[in-house]
N, C-alpha and C. Protein backbone atom coordinates (compact mmCIF):
# COMPACT_ATOMS: atom_id res chain seq x y z
N MET A 1 21.73 20.12 55.83
CA MET A 1 21.71 18.73 55.49
C MET A 1 20.52 18.46 54.55
N ALA A 2 20.78 17.81 53.44
CA ALA A 2 19.75 17.56 52.44
C ALA A 2 18.93 16.32 52.83
N ILE A 3 17.65 16.39 52.60
CA ILE A 3 16.76 15.26 52.89
C ILE A 3 16.61 14.44 51.61
N LYS A 4 16.85 13.14 51.73
CA LYS A 4 16.74 12.27 50.58
C LYS A 4 15.33 11.69 50.54
N SER A 5 14.80 11.65 49.35
CA SER A 5 13.47 11.08 49.16
C SER A 5 13.58 9.57 49.02
N LYS A 6 12.69 8.85 49.68
CA LYS A 6 12.72 7.40 49.61
C LYS A 6 11.91 6.86 48.43
N THR A 7 11.15 7.72 47.78
CA THR A 7 10.35 7.24 46.66
C THR A 7 11.21 7.10 45.43
N LYS A 8 10.94 6.06 44.68
CA LYS A 8 11.70 5.83 43.45
C LYS A 8 11.09 6.66 42.34
N LYS A 9 11.95 7.10 41.45
CA LYS A 9 11.45 7.83 40.29
C LYS A 9 10.84 6.82 39.33
N ARG A 10 9.62 7.13 38.93
CA ARG A 10 8.93 6.23 38.02
C ARG A 10 9.23 6.65 36.59
N THR A 11 9.50 5.69 35.78
CA THR A 11 9.67 5.97 34.36
C THR A 11 8.33 5.75 33.68
N PRO A 12 7.91 6.69 32.84
CA PRO A 12 6.60 6.54 32.20
C PRO A 12 6.61 5.36 31.24
N LYS A 13 5.48 4.68 31.19
CA LYS A 13 5.36 3.56 30.27
C LYS A 13 5.04 4.11 28.89
N ASN A 14 5.94 3.91 27.99
CA ASN A 14 5.75 4.41 26.64
C ASN A 14 5.31 3.26 25.75
N ARG A 15 4.11 3.36 25.22
CA ARG A 15 3.58 2.27 24.40
C ARG A 15 4.40 2.09 23.13
N ALA A 16 4.97 3.20 22.62
CA ALA A 16 5.74 3.09 21.39
C ALA A 16 7.04 2.34 21.63
N ALA A 17 7.54 2.33 22.85
CA ALA A 17 8.80 1.66 23.15
C ALA A 17 8.61 0.15 23.32
N ARG A 18 7.35 -0.30 23.41
CA ARG A 18 7.11 -1.74 23.55
C ARG A 18 7.58 -2.46 22.30
N LYS A 19 8.11 -3.65 22.49
CA LYS A 19 8.60 -4.41 21.35
C LYS A 19 7.49 -5.22 20.71
N GLU A 20 6.61 -5.79 21.50
CA GLU A 20 5.55 -6.62 20.95
C GLU A 20 4.31 -5.77 20.70
N PRO A 21 3.63 -6.01 19.56
CA PRO A 21 2.42 -5.25 19.28
C PRO A 21 1.27 -5.69 20.18
N SER A 22 0.32 -4.80 20.38
CA SER A 22 -0.83 -5.13 21.22
C SER A 22 -1.68 -6.19 20.53
N MET A 23 -2.60 -6.78 21.28
CA MET A 23 -3.45 -7.82 20.73
C MET A 23 -4.31 -7.27 19.59
N ILE A 24 -4.78 -6.05 19.76
CA ILE A 24 -5.60 -5.43 18.71
C ILE A 24 -4.76 -5.20 17.46
N GLU A 25 -3.50 -4.74 17.65
CA GLU A 25 -2.62 -4.54 16.50
C GLU A 25 -2.36 -5.85 15.76
N GLN A 26 -2.20 -6.93 16.49
CA GLN A 26 -1.96 -8.23 15.85
C GLN A 26 -3.17 -8.65 15.01
N LYS A 27 -4.37 -8.45 15.53
CA LYS A 27 -5.57 -8.81 14.79
C LYS A 27 -5.73 -7.94 13.54
N ILE A 28 -5.41 -6.67 13.69
CA ILE A 28 -5.52 -5.76 12.55
C ILE A 28 -4.52 -6.14 11.47
N GLN A 29 -3.29 -6.50 11.87
CA GLN A 29 -2.27 -6.90 10.91
C GLN A 29 -2.69 -8.13 10.13
N GLU A 30 -3.40 -9.04 10.78
CA GLU A 30 -3.82 -10.27 10.12
C GLU A 30 -4.83 -10.00 9.00
N ARG A 31 -5.77 -9.10 9.24
CA ARG A 31 -6.84 -8.91 8.25
C ARG A 31 -6.82 -7.54 7.59
N LEU A 32 -6.07 -6.58 8.12
CA LEU A 32 -5.95 -5.23 7.59
C LEU A 32 -7.28 -4.49 7.49
N THR A 33 -8.23 -4.85 8.37
CA THR A 33 -9.46 -4.10 8.53
C THR A 33 -9.66 -3.84 10.01
N VAL A 34 -10.35 -2.77 10.31
CA VAL A 34 -10.60 -2.42 11.70
C VAL A 34 -11.99 -1.80 11.80
N GLY A 35 -12.72 -2.18 12.81
CA GLY A 35 -14.02 -1.58 13.06
C GLY A 35 -13.88 -0.24 13.73
N VAL A 36 -14.94 0.53 13.72
CA VAL A 36 -14.92 1.86 14.31
C VAL A 36 -14.58 1.78 15.80
N ARG A 37 -15.15 0.80 16.50
CA ARG A 37 -14.89 0.66 17.93
C ARG A 37 -13.40 0.37 18.19
N GLU A 38 -12.84 -0.56 17.42
CA GLU A 38 -11.41 -0.89 17.58
C GLU A 38 -10.55 0.32 17.26
N LEU A 39 -10.94 1.07 16.25
CA LEU A 39 -10.18 2.27 15.89
C LEU A 39 -10.19 3.28 17.03
N ARG A 40 -11.35 3.44 17.66
CA ARG A 40 -11.45 4.37 18.79
C ARG A 40 -10.61 3.89 19.97
N GLN A 41 -10.59 2.58 20.22
CA GLN A 41 -9.86 2.05 21.37
C GLN A 41 -8.35 2.07 21.17
N ASP A 42 -7.89 1.87 19.93
CA ASP A 42 -6.45 1.77 19.71
C ASP A 42 -6.05 2.56 18.46
N ALA A 43 -6.42 3.84 18.42
CA ALA A 43 -6.13 4.67 17.26
C ALA A 43 -4.62 4.82 17.04
N SER A 44 -3.86 4.96 18.12
CA SER A 44 -2.41 5.12 17.96
C SER A 44 -1.79 3.86 17.37
N GLY A 45 -2.29 2.69 17.74
CA GLY A 45 -1.78 1.44 17.18
C GLY A 45 -2.10 1.32 15.70
N VAL A 46 -3.31 1.74 15.32
CA VAL A 46 -3.69 1.70 13.92
C VAL A 46 -2.83 2.68 13.12
N LEU A 47 -2.63 3.86 13.65
CA LEU A 47 -1.79 4.85 12.95
C LEU A 47 -0.35 4.39 12.85
N ARG A 48 0.12 3.66 13.83
CA ARG A 48 1.48 3.11 13.79
C ARG A 48 1.62 2.15 12.61
N LEU A 49 0.58 1.32 12.40
CA LEU A 49 0.60 0.40 11.25
C LEU A 49 0.59 1.16 9.93
N VAL A 50 -0.20 2.23 9.87
CA VAL A 50 -0.26 3.03 8.65
C VAL A 50 1.09 3.69 8.40
N LYS A 51 1.74 4.18 9.45
CA LYS A 51 3.07 4.78 9.30
C LYS A 51 4.07 3.77 8.74
N ASN A 52 3.88 2.51 9.08
CA ASN A 52 4.78 1.46 8.61
C ASN A 52 4.43 0.97 7.21
N GLY A 53 3.48 1.64 6.54
CA GLY A 53 3.19 1.32 5.15
C GLY A 53 1.97 0.46 4.91
N LYS A 54 1.23 0.10 5.93
CA LYS A 54 0.04 -0.74 5.75
C LYS A 54 -1.17 0.14 5.41
N SER A 55 -2.04 -0.37 4.55
CA SER A 55 -3.31 0.29 4.26
C SER A 55 -4.39 -0.43 5.07
N ILE A 56 -5.17 0.33 5.81
CA ILE A 56 -6.17 -0.23 6.71
C ILE A 56 -7.56 0.18 6.22
N THR A 57 -8.47 -0.79 6.13
CA THR A 57 -9.86 -0.52 5.79
C THR A 57 -10.65 -0.39 7.08
N ILE A 58 -11.41 0.69 7.19
CA ILE A 58 -12.24 0.93 8.38
C ILE A 58 -13.66 0.49 8.05
N THR A 59 -14.24 -0.32 8.93
CA THR A 59 -15.57 -0.84 8.69
C THR A 59 -16.54 -0.36 9.77
N GLU A 60 -17.81 -0.29 9.38
CA GLU A 60 -18.88 0.03 10.32
C GLU A 60 -19.95 -1.03 10.12
N HIS A 61 -20.20 -1.79 11.16
CA HIS A 61 -21.13 -2.92 11.09
C HIS A 61 -20.72 -3.90 9.99
N GLY A 62 -19.43 -4.09 9.82
CA GLY A 62 -18.90 -5.05 8.85
C GLY A 62 -18.81 -4.55 7.42
N LYS A 63 -19.27 -3.33 7.15
CA LYS A 63 -19.23 -2.78 5.80
C LYS A 63 -18.11 -1.73 5.71
N PRO A 64 -17.25 -1.83 4.70
CA PRO A 64 -16.16 -0.86 4.55
C PRO A 64 -16.70 0.55 4.31
N ILE A 65 -16.15 1.51 5.07
CA ILE A 65 -16.59 2.90 4.90
C ILE A 65 -15.44 3.85 4.58
N ALA A 66 -14.20 3.44 4.89
CA ALA A 66 -13.07 4.33 4.64
C ALA A 66 -11.79 3.51 4.49
N GLN A 67 -10.79 4.15 3.92
CA GLN A 67 -9.49 3.52 3.74
C GLN A 67 -8.42 4.46 4.29
N LEU A 68 -7.59 3.95 5.20
CA LEU A 68 -6.45 4.72 5.72
C LEU A 68 -5.20 4.23 4.99
N THR A 69 -4.58 5.11 4.25
CA THR A 69 -3.35 4.74 3.54
C THR A 69 -2.25 5.72 3.92
N PRO A 70 -1.01 5.27 3.91
CA PRO A 70 0.09 6.18 4.26
C PRO A 70 0.29 7.22 3.17
N LEU A 71 0.69 8.42 3.58
CA LEU A 71 1.00 9.48 2.63
C LEU A 71 2.35 9.20 2.01
N VAL A 72 2.46 9.50 0.74
CA VAL A 72 3.72 9.33 0.04
C VAL A 72 4.20 10.72 -0.35
N ASN A 73 5.46 11.00 -0.04
CA ASN A 73 6.00 12.30 -0.41
C ASN A 73 6.09 12.40 -1.92
N PRO A 74 5.45 13.42 -2.51
CA PRO A 74 5.47 13.53 -3.96
C PRO A 74 6.87 13.89 -4.46
N VAL A 75 7.17 13.42 -5.64
CA VAL A 75 8.44 13.76 -6.27
C VAL A 75 8.14 14.65 -7.46
N LEU A 76 9.17 15.17 -8.06
CA LEU A 76 9.02 16.11 -9.18
C LEU A 76 8.19 15.51 -10.31
N SER A 77 8.41 14.23 -10.60
CA SER A 77 7.67 13.60 -11.70
C SER A 77 6.17 13.54 -11.41
N ASP A 78 5.78 13.42 -10.13
CA ASP A 78 4.36 13.42 -9.77
C ASP A 78 3.72 14.77 -10.12
N TYR A 79 4.44 15.86 -9.85
CA TYR A 79 3.92 17.20 -10.17
C TYR A 79 3.83 17.40 -11.69
N VAL A 80 4.80 16.88 -12.43
CA VAL A 80 4.77 16.99 -13.89
C VAL A 80 3.60 16.19 -14.44
N ASN A 81 3.42 14.96 -13.96
CA ASN A 81 2.32 14.11 -14.43
C ASN A 81 0.95 14.71 -14.11
N ALA A 82 0.85 15.42 -12.98
CA ALA A 82 -0.42 16.04 -12.60
C ALA A 82 -0.66 17.34 -13.35
N GLY A 83 0.34 17.84 -14.08
CA GLY A 83 0.19 19.08 -14.83
C GLY A 83 0.36 20.33 -13.98
N VAL A 84 0.88 20.18 -12.76
CA VAL A 84 1.07 21.32 -11.88
C VAL A 84 2.25 22.17 -12.35
N ILE A 85 3.31 21.51 -12.80
CA ILE A 85 4.48 22.22 -13.30
C ILE A 85 4.85 21.70 -14.69
N THR A 86 5.58 22.51 -15.42
CA THR A 86 6.07 22.13 -16.73
C THR A 86 7.58 21.99 -16.65
N PRO A 87 8.14 20.88 -17.13
CA PRO A 87 9.59 20.72 -17.06
C PRO A 87 10.30 21.71 -17.98
N ALA A 88 11.51 22.07 -17.60
CA ALA A 88 12.31 23.00 -18.40
C ALA A 88 12.72 22.33 -19.70
N VAL A 89 12.79 23.15 -20.76
CA VAL A 89 13.19 22.65 -22.05
C VAL A 89 14.71 22.57 -22.14
N ARG A 90 15.38 23.52 -21.48
CA ARG A 90 16.84 23.55 -21.48
C ARG A 90 17.33 24.02 -20.12
N LYS A 91 18.62 23.86 -19.88
CA LYS A 91 19.22 24.31 -18.62
C LYS A 91 19.32 25.83 -18.59
N TYR A 92 19.40 26.37 -17.38
CA TYR A 92 19.54 27.81 -17.18
C TYR A 92 20.90 28.26 -17.68
N ASP A 93 20.91 29.31 -18.47
CA ASP A 93 22.15 29.90 -18.97
C ASP A 93 22.12 31.39 -18.66
N PRO A 94 22.99 31.87 -17.75
CA PRO A 94 22.94 33.28 -17.36
C PRO A 94 23.26 34.24 -18.51
N LYS A 95 23.94 33.77 -19.55
CA LYS A 95 24.25 34.66 -20.68
C LYS A 95 22.99 34.92 -21.51
N ILE A 96 22.12 33.93 -21.58
CA ILE A 96 20.89 34.07 -22.37
C ILE A 96 19.73 34.56 -21.51
N ASP A 97 19.58 33.98 -20.33
CA ASP A 97 18.45 34.29 -19.45
C ASP A 97 18.78 35.47 -18.56
N LYS A 98 18.46 36.64 -19.03
CA LYS A 98 18.71 37.86 -18.26
C LYS A 98 17.41 38.28 -17.58
N PRO A 99 17.51 38.89 -16.37
CA PRO A 99 16.29 39.34 -15.69
C PRO A 99 15.57 40.43 -16.48
N LEU A 100 14.27 40.50 -16.30
CA LEU A 100 13.48 41.53 -16.98
C LEU A 100 13.87 42.90 -16.45
N PRO A 101 13.79 43.91 -17.28
CA PRO A 101 14.13 45.26 -16.81
C PRO A 101 13.11 45.75 -15.78
N ASN A 102 13.58 46.61 -14.88
CA ASN A 102 12.75 47.17 -13.84
C ASN A 102 11.80 48.18 -14.46
N PRO A 103 10.49 47.98 -14.32
CA PRO A 103 9.54 48.91 -14.96
C PRO A 103 9.55 50.28 -14.29
N ASP A 104 9.81 51.29 -15.06
CA ASP A 104 9.75 52.69 -14.62
C ASP A 104 10.65 53.01 -13.45
N GLY A 105 11.68 52.21 -13.19
CA GLY A 105 12.63 52.50 -12.12
C GLY A 105 12.01 52.43 -10.73
N ILE A 106 10.97 51.66 -10.55
CA ILE A 106 10.29 51.54 -9.25
C ILE A 106 11.14 50.66 -8.33
N ASP A 107 11.22 51.07 -7.05
CA ASP A 107 11.91 50.24 -6.06
C ASP A 107 10.96 49.10 -5.68
N LEU A 108 11.23 47.92 -6.23
CA LEU A 108 10.31 46.80 -6.05
C LEU A 108 10.22 46.31 -4.61
N VAL A 109 11.31 46.37 -3.86
CA VAL A 109 11.29 45.95 -2.46
C VAL A 109 10.41 46.89 -1.65
N ALA A 110 10.55 48.20 -1.88
CA ALA A 110 9.71 49.17 -1.17
C ALA A 110 8.24 48.97 -1.52
N GLN A 111 7.96 48.67 -2.79
CA GLN A 111 6.59 48.44 -3.22
C GLN A 111 6.01 47.19 -2.55
N LEU A 112 6.82 46.13 -2.45
CA LEU A 112 6.38 44.90 -1.80
C LEU A 112 6.08 45.15 -0.32
N LEU A 113 6.96 45.86 0.36
CA LEU A 113 6.74 46.17 1.77
C LEU A 113 5.50 47.02 1.97
N GLN A 114 5.28 47.94 1.05
CA GLN A 114 4.08 48.78 1.13
C GLN A 114 2.82 47.95 0.94
N ASP A 115 2.86 47.01 0.01
CA ASP A 115 1.69 46.13 -0.22
C ASP A 115 1.43 45.26 1.00
N ARG A 116 2.48 44.76 1.63
CA ARG A 116 2.32 43.91 2.82
C ARG A 116 1.76 44.70 3.99
N ALA A 117 2.10 45.98 4.09
CA ALA A 117 1.61 46.82 5.18
C ALA A 117 0.11 47.02 5.08
N ARG A 118 -0.45 46.98 3.88
CA ARG A 118 -1.89 47.17 3.69
C ARG A 118 -2.69 45.98 4.16
N ILE A 119 -2.09 44.83 4.19
CA ILE A 119 -2.83 43.60 4.54
C ILE A 119 -3.10 43.49 6.00
């Protein structure tokens, strides 16, 4: 015969599941600045605002010391503008763009594996 437990299963309180923002989050949203103490007390709330696209200024004794801004996923044009990559002049054509010949008939895969083994 199985013994039934009389205790109820508790569901964990998930702050992210709350619908209303905390009092600290509301104050931060109003002015978009946060002191170091407030940041320490409610870092997850501040990061939640940053994830939602807000830029937050962090202050120490009322003086701005840092800026928290959301990361933006770079696109191809950002890499071109930064000079990291050069755009292609024309589309790939397999009839024109042939692979380079294998130098001296070396097995390149074997050479790569050999180089990796040394590391």
